[in-house]
Amino acid sequence: MSRLFKDVFVQLLQNNSLTAYKLSKDLGISEALISQWKSGRQLPKYDSINLLCDYFNVSADYLLGRTDNPNSHKQ
């Protein structure tokens, strides 16, 4: 069963003990935008998905809830 982006994103933040503030500083993305992603009011654009995948070292398919394997990009 696929999961929503916001659920995967929030889980990644929690698993890495990250705050929206820390992520915003690390990636140069506004906290307001991160808050919208967390709530599901907005989805990230292509370039932000790439940043998030690199930052968390996960595949886009995992980030977007299309697979439960965060390392599917390494196969």
N, C-alpha and C. Protein backbone atom coordinates (compact mmCIF):
# COMPACT_ATOMS: atom_id res chain seq x y z
N MET A 1 0.84 -1.18 0.00
CA MET A 1 0.00 0.00 0.00
C MET A 1 0.88 1.25 0.00
N SER A 2 0.60 2.16 -0.88
CA SER A 2 1.43 3.36 -0.97
C SER A 2 1.10 4.34 0.15
N ARG A 3 2.10 5.11 0.51
CA ARG A 3 1.93 6.12 1.55
C ARG A 3 1.99 7.50 0.91
N LEU A 4 1.49 8.47 1.63
CA LEU A 4 1.52 9.84 1.14
C LEU A 4 2.89 10.46 1.40
N PHE A 5 3.28 11.40 0.54
CA PHE A 5 4.55 12.09 0.71
C PHE A 5 4.68 12.66 2.11
N LYS A 6 3.64 13.33 2.59
CA LYS A 6 3.74 14.00 3.89
C LYS A 6 4.06 13.01 5.00
N ASP A 7 3.52 11.80 4.93
CA ASP A 7 3.78 10.79 5.95
C ASP A 7 5.24 10.33 5.91
N VAL A 8 5.74 10.10 4.71
CA VAL A 8 7.14 9.68 4.56
C VAL A 8 8.07 10.81 5.01
N PHE A 9 7.75 12.04 4.61
CA PHE A 9 8.57 13.19 4.94
C PHE A 9 8.65 13.40 6.46
N VAL A 10 7.52 13.36 7.12
CA VAL A 10 7.49 13.53 8.58
C VAL A 10 8.27 12.41 9.25
N GLN A 11 8.14 11.19 8.75
CA GLN A 11 8.87 10.06 9.32
C GLN A 11 10.38 10.27 9.16
N LEU A 12 10.81 10.74 8.00
CA LEU A 12 12.23 10.99 7.78
C LEU A 12 12.75 12.06 8.74
N LEU A 13 11.97 13.10 8.94
CA LEU A 13 12.37 14.14 9.89
C LEU A 13 12.52 13.57 11.29
N GLN A 14 11.53 12.79 11.71
CA GLN A 14 11.56 12.20 13.05
C GLN A 14 12.72 11.22 13.20
N ASN A 15 12.90 10.35 12.23
CA ASN A 15 13.96 9.34 12.30
C ASN A 15 15.35 9.96 12.36
N ASN A 16 15.49 11.16 11.79
CA ASN A 16 16.78 11.84 11.77
C ASN A 16 16.85 12.96 12.81
N SER A 17 15.86 13.02 13.70
CA SER A 17 15.80 14.05 14.75
C SER A 17 16.01 15.44 14.19
N LEU A 18 15.32 15.73 13.09
CA LEU A 18 15.46 17.02 12.41
C LEU A 18 14.25 17.90 12.66
N THR A 19 14.52 19.18 12.83
CA THR A 19 13.45 20.17 12.90
C THR A 19 13.32 20.83 11.53
N ALA A 20 12.19 21.46 11.32
CA ALA A 20 11.99 22.21 10.08
C ALA A 20 13.03 23.31 9.97
N TYR A 21 13.39 23.91 11.10
CA TYR A 21 14.41 24.97 11.10
C TYR A 21 15.75 24.45 10.59
N LYS A 22 16.19 23.32 11.14
CA LYS A 22 17.49 22.74 10.73
C LYS A 22 17.47 22.37 9.25
N LEU A 23 16.40 21.72 8.80
CA LEU A 23 16.32 21.34 7.40
C LEU A 23 16.30 22.57 6.50
N SER A 24 15.59 23.61 6.92
CA SER A 24 15.53 24.82 6.10
C SER A 24 16.91 25.46 5.97
N LYS A 25 17.67 25.46 7.05
CA LYS A 25 19.02 26.03 7.00
C LYS A 25 19.96 25.17 6.16
N ASP A 26 19.84 23.85 6.29
CA ASP A 26 20.71 22.95 5.54
C ASP A 26 20.45 23.00 4.04
N LEU A 27 19.18 23.15 3.65
CA LEU A 27 18.82 23.08 2.23
C LEU A 27 18.50 24.44 1.60
N GLY A 28 18.40 25.48 2.42
CA GLY A 28 18.06 26.80 1.88
C GLY A 28 16.62 26.89 1.43
N ILE A 29 15.74 26.17 2.12
CA ILE A 29 14.30 26.16 1.82
C ILE A 29 13.59 26.80 3.00
N SER A 30 12.58 27.58 2.75
CA SER A 30 11.89 28.28 3.84
C SER A 30 11.18 27.30 4.77
N GLU A 31 11.14 27.66 6.05
CA GLU A 31 10.41 26.85 7.02
C GLU A 31 8.93 26.79 6.68
N ALA A 32 8.40 27.86 6.13
CA ALA A 32 6.98 27.89 5.76
C ALA A 32 6.68 26.84 4.71
N LEU A 33 7.57 26.70 3.73
CA LEU A 33 7.37 25.68 2.69
C LEU A 33 7.47 24.28 3.29
N ILE A 34 8.43 24.08 4.16
CA ILE A 34 8.58 22.78 4.82
C ILE A 34 7.33 22.45 5.63
N SER A 35 6.78 23.45 6.28
CA SER A 35 5.54 23.26 7.04
C SER A 35 4.39 22.84 6.13
N GLN A 36 4.33 23.41 4.95
CA GLN A 36 3.28 23.03 4.00
C GLN A 36 3.47 21.60 3.52
N TRP A 37 4.71 21.19 3.33
CA TRP A 37 4.97 19.80 2.95
C TRP A 37 4.54 18.86 4.07
N LYS A 38 4.89 19.20 5.31
CA LYS A 38 4.56 18.35 6.45
C LYS A 38 3.05 18.19 6.63
N SER A 39 2.32 19.23 6.34
CA SER A 39 0.87 19.18 6.52
C SER A 39 0.14 18.58 5.32
N GLY A 40 0.84 18.46 4.21
CA GLY A 40 0.22 17.93 3.00
C GLY A 40 -0.51 18.98 2.18
N ARG A 41 -0.36 20.25 2.55
CA ARG A 41 -1.01 21.32 1.78
C ARG A 41 -0.33 21.57 0.45
N GLN A 42 0.93 21.17 0.35
CA GLN A 42 1.68 21.37 -0.89
C GLN A 42 2.68 20.24 -1.05
N LEU A 43 2.94 19.87 -2.29
CA LEU A 43 3.97 18.88 -2.60
C LEU A 43 5.22 19.59 -3.09
N PRO A 44 6.39 19.02 -2.85
CA PRO A 44 7.62 19.66 -3.34
C PRO A 44 7.71 19.57 -4.86
N LYS A 45 8.38 20.55 -5.42
CA LYS A 45 8.64 20.55 -6.86
C LYS A 45 9.84 19.64 -7.13
N TYR A 46 10.06 19.38 -8.41
CA TYR A 46 11.08 18.43 -8.86
C TYR A 46 12.45 18.71 -8.23
N ASP A 47 12.91 19.96 -8.28
CA ASP A 47 14.24 20.27 -7.75
C ASP A 47 14.32 20.04 -6.24
N SER A 48 13.22 20.30 -5.54
CA SER A 48 13.21 20.06 -4.09
C SER A 48 13.18 18.56 -3.78
N ILE A 49 12.50 17.79 -4.61
CA ILE A 49 12.50 16.33 -4.42
C ILE A 49 13.93 15.81 -4.55
N ASN A 50 14.65 16.29 -5.54
CA ASN A 50 16.05 15.88 -5.71
C ASN A 50 16.89 16.25 -4.50
N LEU A 51 16.71 17.46 -3.98
CA LEU A 51 17.45 17.89 -2.79
C LEU A 51 17.15 16.98 -1.60
N LEU A 52 15.86 16.70 -1.41
CA LEU A 52 15.46 15.86 -0.28
C LEU A 52 16.00 14.44 -0.42
N CYS A 53 15.96 13.89 -1.62
CA CYS A 53 16.49 12.54 -1.85
C CYS A 53 17.98 12.48 -1.52
N ASP A 54 18.72 13.47 -1.99
CA ASP A 54 20.15 13.50 -1.69
C ASP A 54 20.40 13.70 -0.19
N TYR A 55 19.66 14.59 0.42
CA TYR A 55 19.84 14.90 1.84
C TYR A 55 19.58 13.68 2.71
N PHE A 56 18.48 12.98 2.45
CA PHE A 56 18.11 11.82 3.26
C PHE A 56 18.67 10.51 2.72
N ASN A 57 19.31 10.56 1.56
CA ASN A 57 19.88 9.38 0.91
C ASN A 57 18.81 8.31 0.67
N VAL A 58 17.71 8.75 0.09
CA VAL A 58 16.61 7.84 -0.26
C VAL A 58 16.23 8.06 -1.72
N SER A 59 15.50 7.12 -2.27
CA SER A 59 15.05 7.25 -3.65
C SER A 59 13.81 8.15 -3.73
N ALA A 60 13.57 8.69 -4.90
CA ALA A 60 12.37 9.49 -5.12
C ALA A 60 11.12 8.62 -4.96
N ASP A 61 11.19 7.38 -5.40
CA ASP A 61 10.05 6.48 -5.24
C ASP A 61 9.70 6.30 -3.76
N TYR A 62 10.71 6.19 -2.91
CA TYR A 62 10.45 6.07 -1.48
C TYR A 62 9.86 7.37 -0.94
N LEU A 63 10.47 8.48 -1.28
CA LEU A 63 10.01 9.77 -0.80
C LEU A 63 8.56 10.05 -1.20
N LEU A 64 8.21 9.63 -2.39
CA LEU A 64 6.86 9.86 -2.89
C LEU A 64 5.87 8.76 -2.50
N GLY A 65 6.34 7.80 -1.72
CA GLY A 65 5.45 6.77 -1.21
C GLY A 65 5.15 5.65 -2.18
N ARG A 66 5.96 5.50 -3.21
CA ARG A 66 5.71 4.46 -4.22
C ARG A 66 6.35 3.13 -3.88
N THR A 67 7.27 3.14 -2.90
CA THR A 67 7.91 1.91 -2.43
C THR A 67 8.20 2.07 -0.95
N ASP A 68 8.30 0.95 -0.26
CA ASP A 68 8.66 0.97 1.15
C ASP A 68 10.17 0.80 1.36
N ASN A 69 10.89 0.66 0.26
CA ASN A 69 12.34 0.46 0.33
C ASN A 69 13.06 1.79 0.10
N PRO A 70 13.63 2.39 1.16
CA PRO A 70 14.29 3.67 0.98
C PRO A 70 15.54 3.59 0.10
N ASN A 71 16.06 2.38 -0.07
CA ASN A 71 17.29 2.20 -0.84
C ASN A 71 17.04 1.65 -2.24
N SER A 72 15.84 1.79 -2.75
CA SER A 72 15.53 1.22 -4.06
C SER A 72 16.38 1.83 -5.17
N HIS A 73 16.95 3.01 -4.93
CA HIS A 73 17.81 3.65 -5.92
C HIS A 73 19.20 3.03 -5.98
N LYS A 74 19.52 2.17 -5.04
CA LYS A 74 20.87 1.56 -4.97
C LYS A 74 20.89 0.17 -5.56
N GLN A 75 19.78 -0.30 -6.11
CA GLN A 75 19.73 -1.66 -6.63
C GLN A 75 20.25 -1.71 -8.04
